[in-house]
PDB file of N, CA and C in Angstrom:
ATOM      1  N   UNK A   1     107.069 -12.795   8.957  1.00  0.00           N
ATOM      2  CA  UNK A   1     107.083 -11.302   8.932  1.00  0.00           C
ATOM      3  C   UNK A   1     106.041 -10.755   9.628  1.00  0.00           C
ATOM      4  N   UNK A   2     106.733 -10.204  11.792  1.00  0.00           N
ATOM      5  CA  UNK A   2     105.550  -9.394  12.013  1.00  0.00           C
ATOM      6  C   UNK A   2     105.308  -8.040  10.781  1.00  0.00           C
ATOM      7  N   UNK A   3     103.769  -7.337  12.097  1.00  0.00           N
ATOM      8  CA  UNK A   3     103.176  -6.498  10.820  1.00  0.00           C
ATOM      9  C   UNK A   3     103.470  -5.436  11.118  1.00  0.00           C
ATOM     10  N   UNK A   4     104.833  -5.010  12.844  1.00  0.00           N
ATOM     11  CA  UNK A   4     105.641  -3.794  12.396  1.00  0.00           C
ATOM     12  C   UNK A   4     106.236  -3.678  11.451  1.00  0.00           C
ATOM     13  N   UNK A   5     106.968  -4.414  10.829  1.00  0.00           N
ATOM     14  CA  UNK A   5     107.848  -4.541   9.922  1.00  0.00           C
ATOM     15  C   UNK A   5     107.404  -4.041   8.352  1.00  0.00           C
ATOM     16  N   UNK A   6     105.690  -5.257   8.292  1.00  0.00           N
ATOM     17  CA  UNK A   6     105.026  -5.081   7.115  1.00  0.00           C
ATOM     18  C   UNK A   6     105.068  -4.045   6.558  1.00  0.00           C
ATOM     19  N   UNK A   7     104.268  -3.017   7.740  1.00  0.00           N
ATOM     20  CA  UNK A   7     103.993  -1.741   7.048  1.00  0.00           C
ATOM     21  C   UNK A   7     105.110  -0.761   7.683  1.00  0.00           C
ATOM     22  N   UNK A   8     105.813  -0.731   7.999  1.00  0.00           N
ATOM     23  CA  UNK A   8     107.498  -0.284   7.567  1.00  0.00           C
ATOM     24  C   UNK A   8     107.598  -0.507   6.061  1.00  0.00           C
ATOM     25  N   UNK A   9     108.081  -1.624   5.636  1.00  0.00           N
ATOM     26  CA  UNK A   9     108.777  -1.429   4.625  1.00  0.00           C
ATOM     27  C   UNK A   9     106.933  -1.163   3.684  1.00  0.00           C
ATOM     28  N   UNK A  10     105.752  -1.105   4.076  1.00  0.00           N
ATOM     29  CA  UNK A  10     104.652  -0.613   3.202  1.00  0.00           C
ATOM     30  C   UNK A  10     104.849   0.508   3.444  1.00  0.00           C
ATOM     31  N   UNK A  11     105.320   1.685   3.967  1.00  0.00           N
ATOM     32  CA  UNK A  11     104.801   3.269   4.039  1.00  0.00           C
ATOM     33  C   UNK A  11     106.219   3.272   2.804  1.00  0.00           C
ATOM     34  N   UNK A  12     107.579   2.770   3.083  1.00  0.00           N
ATOM     35  CA  UNK A  12     108.647   2.904   1.931  1.00  0.00           C
ATOM     36  C   UNK A  12     107.973   2.721   1.050  1.00  0.00           C
ATOM     37  N   UNK A  13     107.422   1.562   0.473  1.00  0.00           N
ATOM     38  CA  UNK A  13     107.132   1.311  -0.778  1.00  0.00           C
ATOM     39  C   UNK A  13     105.758   2.685  -1.493  1.00  0.00           C
ATOM     40  N   UNK A  14     105.173   2.810  -0.379  1.00  0.00           N
ATOM     41  CA  UNK A  14     103.924   3.985  -0.067  1.00  0.00           C
ATOM     42  C   UNK A  14     104.435   5.275  -1.083  1.00  0.00           C
ATOM     43  N   UNK A  15     105.502   5.234   0.059  1.00  0.00           N
ATOM     44  CA  UNK A  15     106.233   7.022   0.155  1.00  0.00           C
ATOM     45  C   UNK A  15     107.556   7.544  -0.594  1.00  0.00           C
ATOM     46  N   UNK A  16     107.504   6.373  -1.689  1.00  0.00           N
ATOM     47  CA  UNK A  16     108.556   6.704  -2.704  1.00  0.00           C
ATOM     48  C   UNK A  16     108.477   6.328  -4.094  1.00  0.00           C
ATOM     49  N   UNK A  17     107.965   7.556  -4.943  1.00  0.00           N
ATOM     50  CA  UNK A  17     108.174   7.150  -6.467  1.00  0.00           C
ATOM     51  C   UNK A  17     109.117   5.948  -6.854  1.00  0.00           C
ATOM     52  N   UNK A  18     110.647   6.105  -6.456  1.00  0.00           N
ATOM     53  CA  UNK A  18     111.167   5.119  -6.458  1.00  0.00           C
ATOM     54  C   UNK A  18     111.593   4.079  -5.296  1.00  0.00           C
ATOM     55  N   UNK A  19     111.443   3.566  -5.327  1.00  0.00           N
ATOM     56  CA  UNK A  19     112.445   2.764  -3.857  1.00  0.00           C
ATOM     57  C   UNK A  19     112.809   1.797  -3.859  1.00  0.00           C
ATOM     58  N   UNK A  20     114.627   1.449  -3.572  1.00  0.00           N
ATOM     59  CA  UNK A  20     115.358   0.239  -3.755  1.00  0.00           C
ATOM     60  C   UNK A  20     115.653  -0.166  -2.595  1.00  0.00           C
ATOM     61  N   UNK A  21     115.220  -1.321  -2.014  1.00  0.00           N
ATOM     62  CA  UNK A  21     116.532  -2.019  -0.822  1.00  0.00           C
ATOM     63  C   UNK A  21     117.159  -2.553  -1.350  1.00  0.00           C
ATOM     64  N   UNK A  22     118.392  -1.883  -0.564  1.00  0.00           N
ATOM     65  CA  UNK A  22     120.276  -2.630  -1.188  1.00  0.00           C
ATOM     66  C   UNK A  22     120.551  -2.826   0.200  1.00  0.00           C
ATOM     67  N   UNK A  23     121.690  -2.811   0.075  1.00  0.00           N
ATOM     68  CA  UNK A  23     123.319  -2.816   1.279  1.00  0.00           C
ATOM     69  C   UNK A  23     123.709  -1.942   0.712  1.00  0.00           C
ATOM     70  N   UNK A  24     123.453  -0.733   2.009  1.00  0.00           N
ATOM     71  CA  UNK A  24     124.275   0.569   1.862  1.00  0.00           C
ATOM     72  C   UNK A  24     123.414   1.347   1.731  1.00  0.00           C
ATOM     73  N   UNK A  25     123.926   2.560   1.079  1.00  0.00           N
ATOM     74  CA  UNK A  25     123.515   3.610   0.736  1.00  0.00           C
ATOM     75  C   UNK A  25     123.357   4.102  -0.463  1.00  0.00           C
ATOM     76  N   UNK A  26     122.539   4.886  -1.451  1.00  0.00           N
ATOM     77  CA  UNK A  26     122.945   5.537  -3.161  1.00  0.00           C
ATOM     78  C   UNK A  26     124.016   6.563  -3.050  1.00  0.00           C
ATOM     79  N   UNK A  27     124.492   6.864  -2.127  1.00  0.00           N
ATOM     80  CA  UNK A  27     126.186   6.982  -1.591  1.00  0.00           C
ATOM     81  C   UNK A  27     127.638   6.560  -1.572  1.00  0.00           C
ATOM     82  N   UNK A  28     126.847   5.837  -0.274  1.00  0.00           N
ATOM     83  CA  UNK A  28     128.445   4.537  -0.673  1.00  0.00           C
ATOM     84  C   UNK A  28     127.080   2.963  -0.766  1.00  0.00           C
ATOM     85  N   UNK A  29     127.233   2.572  -1.578  1.00  0.00           N
ATOM     86  CA  UNK A  29     126.627   1.537  -1.673  1.00  0.00           C
ATOM     87  C   UNK A  29     127.817   0.327  -1.063  1.00  0.00           C
ATOM     88  N   UNK A  30     127.022  -0.632  -0.511  1.00  0.00           N
ATOM     89  CA  UNK A  30     128.246  -1.865  -0.685  1.00  0.00           C
ATOM     90  C   UNK A  30     127.968  -3.340  -0.751  1.00  0.00           C
ATOM     91  N   UNK A  31     127.551  -3.034  -1.627  1.00  0.00           N
ATOM     92  CA  UNK A  31     127.934  -4.560  -2.567  1.00  0.00           C
ATOM     93  C   UNK A  31     127.568  -3.965  -3.498  1.00  0.00           C
ATOM     94  N   UNK A  32     128.172  -4.452  -4.440  1.00  0.00           N
ATOM     95  CA  UNK A  32     128.416  -4.813  -5.917  1.00  0.00           C
ATOM     96  C   UNK A  32     126.757  -5.505  -6.637  1.00  0.00           C
ATOM     97  N   UNK A  33     126.018  -5.559  -6.623  1.00  0.00           N
ATOM     98  CA  UNK A  33     125.012  -5.344  -7.354  1.00  0.00           C
ATOM     99  C   UNK A  33     123.985  -4.280  -7.204  1.00  0.00           C
ATOM    100  N   UNK A  34     124.205  -4.154  -5.487  1.00  0.00           N
ATOM    101  CA  UNK A  34     123.409  -2.458  -5.212  1.00  0.00           C
ATOM    102  C   UNK A  34     124.226  -1.201  -6.015  1.00  0.00           C
ATOM    103  N   UNK A  35     125.187  -1.217  -6.248  1.00  0.00           N
ATOM    104  CA  UNK A  35     125.749  -0.286  -7.042  1.00  0.00           C
ATOM    105  C   UNK A  35     125.696  -0.176  -8.383  1.00  0.00           C
ATOM    106  N   UNK A  36     125.065  -1.159  -9.057  1.00  0.00           N
ATOM    107  CA  UNK A  36     124.352  -1.582 -10.729  1.00  0.00           C
ATOM    108  C   UNK A  36     123.603  -0.640 -10.377  1.00  0.00           C
ATOM    109  N   UNK A  37     122.420  -1.051  -9.755  1.00  0.00           N
ATOM    110  CA  UNK A  37     121.282  -0.750  -9.650  1.00  0.00           C
ATOM    111  C   UNK A  37     121.206   1.105  -9.642  1.00  0.00           C
ATOM    112  N   UNK A  38     121.726   1.338  -8.488  1.00  0.00           N
ATOM    113  CA  UNK A  38     122.194   2.695  -8.205  1.00  0.00           C
ATOM    114  C   UNK A  38     123.024   4.000  -9.629  1.00  0.00           C
ATOM    115  N   UNK A  39     124.212   3.150 -10.207  1.00  0.00           N
ATOM    116  CA  UNK A  39     124.110   2.961 -11.367  1.00  0.00           C
ATOM    117  C   UNK A  39     123.656   3.273 -12.661  1.00  0.00           C
ATOM    118  N   UNK A  40     122.920   2.023 -12.548  1.00  0.00           N
ATOM    119  CA  UNK A  40     121.453   2.029 -14.050  1.00  0.00           C
ATOM    120  C   UNK A  40     120.542   2.673 -13.225  1.00  0.00           C
ATOM    121  N   UNK A  41     119.866   3.784 -13.117  1.00  0.00           N
ATOM    122  CA  UNK A  41     119.415   4.744 -12.412  1.00  0.00           C
ATOM    123  C   UNK A  41     120.049   6.604 -12.259  1.00  0.00           C
ATOM    124  N   UNK A  42     120.594   6.348 -12.309  1.00  0.00           N
ATOM    125  CA  UNK A  42     121.868   7.373 -12.054  1.00  0.00           C
ATOM    126  C   UNK A  42     121.843   8.136 -13.050  1.00  0.00           C
ATOM    127  N   UNK A  43     122.184   7.194 -13.591  1.00  0.00           N
ATOM    128  CA  UNK A  43     122.029   6.960 -15.802  1.00  0.00           C
ATOM    129  C   UNK A  43     121.060   7.238 -16.128  1.00  0.00           C
ATOM    130  N   UNK A  44     119.765   7.138 -15.959  1.00  0.00           N
ATOM    131  CA  UNK A  44     118.846   7.618 -16.361  1.00  0.00           C
ATOM    132  C   UNK A  44     117.877   9.351 -15.977  1.00  0.00           C
ATOM    133  N   UNK A  45     118.806   9.359 -14.784  1.00  0.00           N
ATOM    134  CA  UNK A  45     118.393  11.167 -14.129  1.00  0.00           C
ATOM    135  C   UNK A  45     117.155  10.732 -13.333  1.00  0.00           C
ATOM    136  N   UNK A  46     117.279   9.403 -13.254  1.00  0.00           N
ATOM    137  CA  UNK A  46     115.927   9.525 -12.161  1.00  0.00           C
ATOM    138  C   UNK A  46     116.168   9.295 -10.149  1.00  0.00           C
ATOM    139  N   UNK A  47     115.225  10.035  -9.847  1.00  0.00           N
ATOM    140  CA  UNK A  47     115.187  10.619  -8.860  1.00  0.00           C
ATOM    141  C   UNK A  47     115.007   9.635  -7.575  1.00  0.00           C
ATOM    142  N   UNK A  48     115.149   8.941  -6.940  1.00  0.00           N
ATOM    143  CA  UNK A  48     115.054   7.354  -6.282  1.00  0.00           C
ATOM    144  C   UNK A  48     115.559   7.995  -4.364  1.00  0.00           C
ATOM    145  N   UNK A  49     114.988   6.770  -3.550  1.00  0.00           N
ATOM    146  CA  UNK A  49     114.824   6.060  -2.137  1.00  0.00           C
ATOM    147  C   UNK A  49     115.551   5.641  -2.304  1.00  0.00           C
ATOM    148  N   UNK A  50     116.533   5.383  -0.786  1.00  0.00           N
ATOM    149  CA  UNK A  50     117.470   3.985  -0.094  1.00  0.00           C
ATOM    150  C   UNK A  50     116.774   3.503   1.034  1.00  0.00           C
ATOM    151  N   UNK A  51     116.794   2.407   1.062  1.00  0.00           N
ATOM    152  CA  UNK A  51     116.567   1.939   2.351  1.00  0.00           C
ATOM    153  C   UNK A  51     118.044   1.310   2.951  1.00  0.00           C
ATOM    154  N   UNK A  52     118.603   1.007   3.411  1.00  0.00           N
ATOM    155  CA  UNK A  52     119.897   0.508   3.968  1.00  0.00           C
ATOM    156  C   UNK A  52     118.924  -1.029   5.245  1.00  0.00           C
ATOM    157  N   UNK A  53     119.113  -2.090   3.990  1.00  0.00           N
ATOM    158  CA  UNK A  53     118.762  -3.494   4.701  1.00  0.00           C
ATOM    159  C   UNK A  53     120.489  -3.571   6.332  1.00  0.00           C
ATOM    160  N   UNK A  54     120.882  -3.621   5.870  1.00  0.00           N
ATOM    161  CA  UNK A  54     122.501  -3.793   7.025  1.00  0.00           C
ATOM    162  C   UNK A  54     121.874  -2.768   8.018  1.00  0.00           C
ATOM    163  N   UNK A  55     121.137  -2.021   7.918  1.00  0.00           N
ATOM    164  CA  UNK A  55     120.786  -1.465   9.317  1.00  0.00           C
ATOM    165  C   UNK A  55     119.648  -1.590   9.869  1.00  0.00           C
ATOM    166  N   UNK A  56     118.968  -2.526   9.354  1.00  0.00           N
ATOM    167  CA  UNK A  56     117.764  -3.617   9.934  1.00  0.00           C
ATOM    168  C   UNK A  56     117.645  -3.959   9.990  1.00  0.00           C
ATOM    169  N   UNK A  57     117.501  -5.764  10.397  1.00  0.00           N
ATOM    170  CA  UNK A  57     117.548  -7.136  10.161  1.00  0.00           C
ATOM    171  C   UNK A  57     115.664  -7.090   9.710  1.00  0.00           C
ATOM    172  N   UNK A  58     115.307  -6.861  10.493  1.00  0.00           N
ATOM    173  CA  UNK A  58     113.977  -7.333  10.194  1.00  0.00           C
ATOM    174  C   UNK A  58     113.746  -6.580   9.233  1.00  0.00           C
ATOM    175  N   UNK A  59     113.692  -5.598   8.264  1.00  0.00           N
ATOM    176  CA  UNK A  59     113.595  -4.921   6.834  1.00  0.00           C
ATOM    177  C   UNK A  59     114.348  -5.968   5.989  1.00  0.00           C
ATOM    178  N   UNK A  60     115.338  -6.564   6.501  1.00  0.00           N
ATOM    179  CA  UNK A  60     116.263  -7.234   5.442  1.00  0.00           C
ATOM    180  C   UNK A  60     115.626  -8.500   5.276  1.00  0.00           C
ATOM    181  N   UNK A  61     115.072  -9.232   6.393  1.00  0.00           N
ATOM    182  CA  UNK A  61     115.042 -10.325   5.536  1.00  0.00           C
ATOM    183  C   UNK A  61     113.602 -10.112   5.259  1.00  0.00           C
ATOM    184  N   UNK A  62     112.594  -9.023   6.274  1.00  0.00           N
ATOM    185  CA  UNK A  62     111.108  -9.181   5.838  1.00  0.00           C
ATOM    186  C   UNK A  62     111.271  -8.614   3.938  1.00  0.00           C
ATOM    187  N   UNK A  63     111.962  -7.965   3.696  1.00  0.00           N
ATOM    188  CA  UNK A  63     111.330  -7.149   2.339  1.00  0.00           C
ATOM    189  C   UNK A  63     111.251  -8.682   1.073  1.00  0.00           C
ATOM    190  N   UNK A  64     112.145  -9.870   1.561  1.00  0.00           N
ATOM    191  CA  UNK A  64     112.406 -10.844   1.016  1.00  0.00           C
ATOM    192  C   UNK A  64     111.231 -11.777   1.088  1.00  0.00           C
ATOM    193  N   UNK A  65     111.014 -11.981   2.189  1.00  0.00           N
ATOM    194  CA  UNK A  65     109.442 -12.268   2.127  1.00  0.00           C
ATOM    195  C   UNK A  65     108.063 -11.493   1.534  1.00  0.00           C
ATOM    196  N   UNK A  66     108.247 -10.288   1.751  1.00  0.00           N
ATOM    197  CA  UNK A  66     106.774  -9.232   1.376  1.00  0.00           C
ATOM    198  C   UNK A  66     106.832  -9.733  -0.729  1.00  0.00           C
ATOM    199  N   UNK A  67     108.011  -9.741  -0.865  1.00  0.00           N
ATOM    200  CA  UNK A  67     108.208  -9.640  -2.434  1.00  0.00           C
ATOM    201  C   UNK A  67     107.949 -10.847  -2.759  1.00  0.00           C
ATOM    202  N   UNK A  68     108.319 -11.909  -2.038  1.00  0.00           N
ATOM    203  CA  UNK A  68     108.459 -13.452  -2.546  1.00  0.00           C
ATOM    204  C   UNK A  68     109.997 -13.424  -3.401  1.00  0.00           C
ATOM    205  N   UNK A  69     110.917 -12.490  -3.010  1.00  0.00           N
ATOM    206  CA  UNK A  69     111.801 -12.818  -3.565  1.00  0.00           C
ATOM    207  C   UNK A  69     113.251 -12.366  -2.911  1.00  0.00           C
ATOM    208  N   UNK A  70     114.509 -13.731  -3.321  1.00  0.00           N
ATOM    209  CA  UNK A  70     115.034 -14.038  -2.512  1.00  0.00           C
ATOM    210  C   UNK A  70     116.659 -13.099  -2.096  1.00  0.00           C
ATOM    211  N   UNK A  71     116.543 -12.162  -3.314  1.00  0.00           N
ATOM    212  CA  UNK A  71     118.266 -11.167  -2.961  1.00  0.00           C
ATOM    213  C   UNK A  71     117.839  -9.524  -3.192  1.00  0.00           C
ATOM    214  N   UNK A  72     118.497  -9.061  -2.789  1.00  0.00           N
ATOM    215  CA  UNK A  72     118.945  -7.765  -2.082  1.00  0.00           C
ATOM    216  C   UNK A  72     119.775  -7.271  -3.701  1.00  0.00           C
ATOM    217  N   UNK A  73     119.575  -5.979  -3.936  1.00  0.00           N
ATOM    218  CA  UNK A  73     118.227  -5.510  -4.097  1.00  0.00           C
ATOM    219  C   UNK A  73     116.913  -5.351  -5.125  1.00  0.00           C
ATOM    220  N   UNK A  74     116.432  -5.000  -3.970  1.00  0.00           N
ATOM    221  CA  UNK A  74     114.974  -5.208  -4.875  1.00  0.00           C
ATOM    222  C   UNK A  74     114.407  -3.663  -4.981  1.00  0.00           C
ATOM    223  N   UNK A  75     114.242  -2.935  -5.864  1.00  0.00           N
ATOM    224  CA  UNK A  75     113.602  -2.537  -6.233  1.00  0.00           C
ATOM    225  C   UNK A  75     112.159  -2.028  -6.873  1.00  0.00           C
ATOM    226  N   UNK A  76     111.213  -0.920  -6.627  1.00  0.00           N
ATOM    227  CA  UNK A  76     109.393  -0.796  -6.655  1.00  0.00           C
ATOM    228  C   UNK A  76     109.768   0.531  -7.641  1.00  0.00           C
ATOM    229  N   UNK A  77     109.057   0.116  -8.114  1.00  0.00           N
ATOM    230  CA  UNK A  77     108.265   1.324  -8.576  1.00  0.00           C
ATOM    231  C   UNK A  77     106.479   1.787  -8.518  1.00  0.00           C
ATOM    232  N   UNK A  78     106.141   2.813  -7.443  1.00  0.00           N
ATOM    233  CA  UNK A  78     104.798   3.509  -7.897  1.00  0.00           C
ATOM    234  C   UNK A  78     104.351   1.799  -7.018  1.00  0.00           C
ATOM    235  N   UNK A  79     104.971   1.646  -6.344  1.00  0.00           N
ATOM    236  CA  UNK A  79     104.369  -0.056  -5.727  1.00  0.00           C
ATOM    237  C   UNK A  79     104.329  -0.581  -6.207  1.00  0.00           C
ATOM    238  N   UNK A  80     105.163  -1.159  -7.421  1.00  0.00           N
ATOM    239  CA  UNK A  80     105.950  -2.479  -8.555  1.00  0.00           C
ATOM    240  C   UNK A  80     106.377  -2.800  -7.820  1.00  0.00           C
ATOM    241  N   UNK A  81     106.880  -4.053  -7.534  1.00  0.00           N
ATOM    242  CA  UNK A  81     108.279  -4.584  -7.245  1.00  0.00           C
ATOM    243  C   UNK A  81     108.599  -5.302  -9.262  1.00  0.00           C
ATOM    244  N   UNK A  82     109.835  -3.705  -9.026  1.00  0.00           N
ATOM    245  CA  UNK A  82     110.898  -4.635  -9.967  1.00  0.00           C
ATOM    246  C   UNK A  82     111.294  -5.655 -10.165  1.00  0.00           C
ATOM    247  N   UNK A  83     111.992  -5.875  -9.907  1.00  0.00           N
ATOM    248  CA  UNK A  83     113.403  -7.112  -9.238  1.00  0.00           C
ATOM    249  C   UNK A  83     114.789  -6.551  -9.273  1.00  0.00           C
ATOM    250  N   UNK A  84     115.546  -7.207  -9.259  1.00  0.00           N
ATOM    251  CA  UNK A  84     116.787  -6.314  -8.642  1.00  0.00           C
ATOM    252  C   UNK A  84     117.898  -6.480  -9.086  1.00  0.00           C
ATOM    253  N   UNK A  85     118.835  -7.147  -9.376  1.00  0.00           N
ATOM    254  CA  UNK A  85     120.168  -6.597 -10.229  1.00  0.00           C
ATOM    255  C   UNK A  85     120.166  -6.489 -11.757  1.00  0.00           C
ATOM    256  N   UNK A  86     120.040  -8.023 -11.698  1.00  0.00           N
ATOM    257  CA  UNK A  86     120.210  -8.773 -12.983  1.00  0.00           C
ATOM    258  C   UNK A  86     118.984  -7.579 -13.722  1.00  0.00           C
ATOM    259  N   UNK A  87     117.851  -7.722 -12.880  1.00  0.00           N
ATOM    260  CA  UNK A  87     116.675  -7.560 -13.897  1.00  0.00           C
ATOM    261  C   UNK A  87     116.393  -6.286 -14.460  1.00  0.00           C
ATOM    262  N   UNK A  88     117.075  -5.372 -13.114  1.00  0.00           N
ATOM    263  CA  UNK A  88     116.859  -3.653 -13.874  1.00  0.00           C
ATOM    264  C   UNK A  88     118.042  -4.036 -15.119  1.00  0.00           C
ATOM    265  N   UNK A  89     119.338  -4.657 -15.100  1.00  0.00           N
ATOM    266  CA  UNK A  89     120.432  -4.520 -16.096  1.00  0.00           C
ATOM    267  C   UNK A  89     119.605  -4.883 -17.251  1.00  0.00           C
ATOM    268  N   UNK A  90     119.085  -5.764 -17.537  1.00  0.00           N
ATOM    269  CA  UNK A  90     118.132  -6.149 -18.940  1.00  0.00           C
ATOM    270  C   UNK A  90     117.689  -5.239 -19.311  1.00  0.00           C
ATOM    271  N   UNK A  91     115.936  -4.525 -18.727  1.00  0.00           N
ATOM    272  CA  UNK A  91     115.432  -3.525 -18.682  1.00  0.00           C
ATOM    273  C   UNK A  91     116.150  -2.746 -19.304  1.00  0.00           C
ATOM    274  N   UNK A  92     117.956  -1.993 -18.834  1.00  0.00           N
ATOM    275  CA  UNK A  92     117.877  -1.241 -19.047  1.00  0.00           C
ATOM    276  C   UNK A  92     118.765  -1.294 -20.319  1.00  0.00           C
ATOM    277  N   UNK A  93     119.253  -2.449 -20.766  1.00  0.00           N
ATOM    278  CA  UNK A  93     120.129  -2.296 -21.756  1.00  0.00           C
ATOM    279  C   UNK A  93     118.987  -2.401 -23.172  1.00  0.00           C
ATOM    280  N   UNK A  94     118.146  -3.430 -22.574  1.00  0.00           N
ATOM    281  CA  UNK A  94     116.748  -3.205 -23.310  1.00  0.00           C
ATOM    282  C   UNK A  94     116.565  -1.824 -23.907  1.00  0.00           C
ATOM    283  N   UNK A  95     116.288  -0.989 -22.923  1.00  0.00           N
ATOM    284  CA  UNK A  95     115.717   0.295 -22.828  1.00  0.00           C
ATOM    285  C   UNK A  95     114.117   0.237 -22.808  1.00  0.00           C
ATOM    286  N   UNK A  96     113.429  -0.859 -21.697  1.00  0.00           N
ATOM    287  CA  UNK A  96     112.424  -1.133 -21.791  1.00  0.00           C
ATOM    288  C   UNK A  96     112.491  -0.168 -19.896  1.00  0.00           C
ATOM    289  N   UNK A  97     113.361  -0.185 -19.071  1.00  0.00           N
ATOM    290  CA  UNK A  97     113.394   0.402 -18.198  1.00  0.00           C
ATOM    291  C   UNK A  97     113.213   2.452 -18.124  1.00  0.00           C
ATOM    292  N   UNK A  98     114.279   3.093 -19.232  1.00  0.00           N
ATOM    293  CA  UNK A  98     113.679   3.792 -19.695  1.00  0.00           C
ATOM    294  C   UNK A  98     112.552   3.954 -19.307  1.00  0.00           C
ATOM    295  N   UNK A  99     111.937   3.244 -20.324  1.00  0.00           N
ATOM    296  CA  UNK A  99     110.557   3.726 -20.670  1.00  0.00           C
ATOM    297  C   UNK A  99     109.537   3.757 -19.621  1.00  0.00           C
ATOM    298  N   UNK A 100     109.129   2.901 -18.906  1.00  0.00           N
ATOM    299  CA  UNK A 100     108.630   1.936 -18.024  1.00  0.00           C
ATOM    300  C   UNK A 100     108.762   3.151 -17.166  1.00  0.00           C
ATOM    301  N   UNK A 101     109.508   3.800 -16.484  1.00  0.00           N
ATOM    302  CA  UNK A 101     109.830   4.548 -15.623  1.00  0.00           C
ATOM    303  C   UNK A 101     109.010   5.464 -16.077  1.00  0.00           C
ATOM    304  N   UNK A 102     109.140   6.260 -16.913  1.00  0.00           N
ATOM    305  CA  UNK A 102     108.809   7.356 -17.697  1.00  0.00           C
ATOM    306  C   UNK A 102     107.193   7.277 -17.837  1.00  0.00           C
ATOM    307  N   UNK A 103     107.012   6.406 -17.896  1.00  0.00           N
ATOM    308  CA  UNK A 103     104.861   6.276 -18.122  1.00  0.00           C
ATOM    309  C   UNK A 103     104.705   6.529 -17.222  1.00  0.00           C
ATOM    310  N   UNK A 104     105.545   5.428 -15.867  1.00  0.00           N
ATOM    311  CA  UNK A 104     105.214   5.375 -14.181  1.00  0.00           C
ATOM    312  C   UNK A 104     105.494   6.888 -13.683  1.00  0.00           C
ATOM    313  N   UNK A 105     106.234   7.925 -14.049  1.00  0.00           N
ATOM    314  CA  UNK A 105     106.338   8.419 -13.049  1.00  0.00           C
ATOM    315  C   UNK A 105     105.834   9.615 -13.669  1.00  0.00           C
ATOM    316  N   UNK A 106     104.944   9.226 -14.326  1.00  0.00           N
ATOM    317  CA  UNK A 106     104.741  10.795 -15.851  1.00  0.00           C
ATOM    318  C   UNK A 106     102.384  10.775 -15.052  1.00  0.00           C
ATOM    319  N   UNK A 107     102.122   9.120 -14.552  1.00  0.00           N
ATOM    320  CA  UNK A 107     100.573   8.982 -14.496  1.00  0.00           C
ATOM    321  C   UNK A 107     101.044   9.476 -12.866  1.00  0.00           C
TER     322      UNK A 107
END
C-alpha cells in the first residue's frame, strides 16, 4: 500500500471514535455483512462514521493490509481494530461490545 492510502486510512481512523470501513453507507449498506454491523451499532445507539470502500479501490485493498484482516466490513474503536461482522455479532450477543464501546468512549 502506498503512503497516501495509508495516511488516508490513518486519518479516518484517528478522526472518528467509531469508524466502519464497509461496502455502501450506513444509510444504504451494499452487503449483508455491512448491514449487520450498521444494525448492531444503531441498536446500541452508537454514533459512528463510515467509509464506502466501493468508492475507492485503493482504500478497499489497503484496509485489508492495514489491519491484516482479509474481509470487509472492518470496525475501529478509538483507533483499535475490533473486527468484522462475525466478531461484532459475537461481542454483541455476549454483551461485551456494548461494555467495550461505553468504556472506550467515556475515556
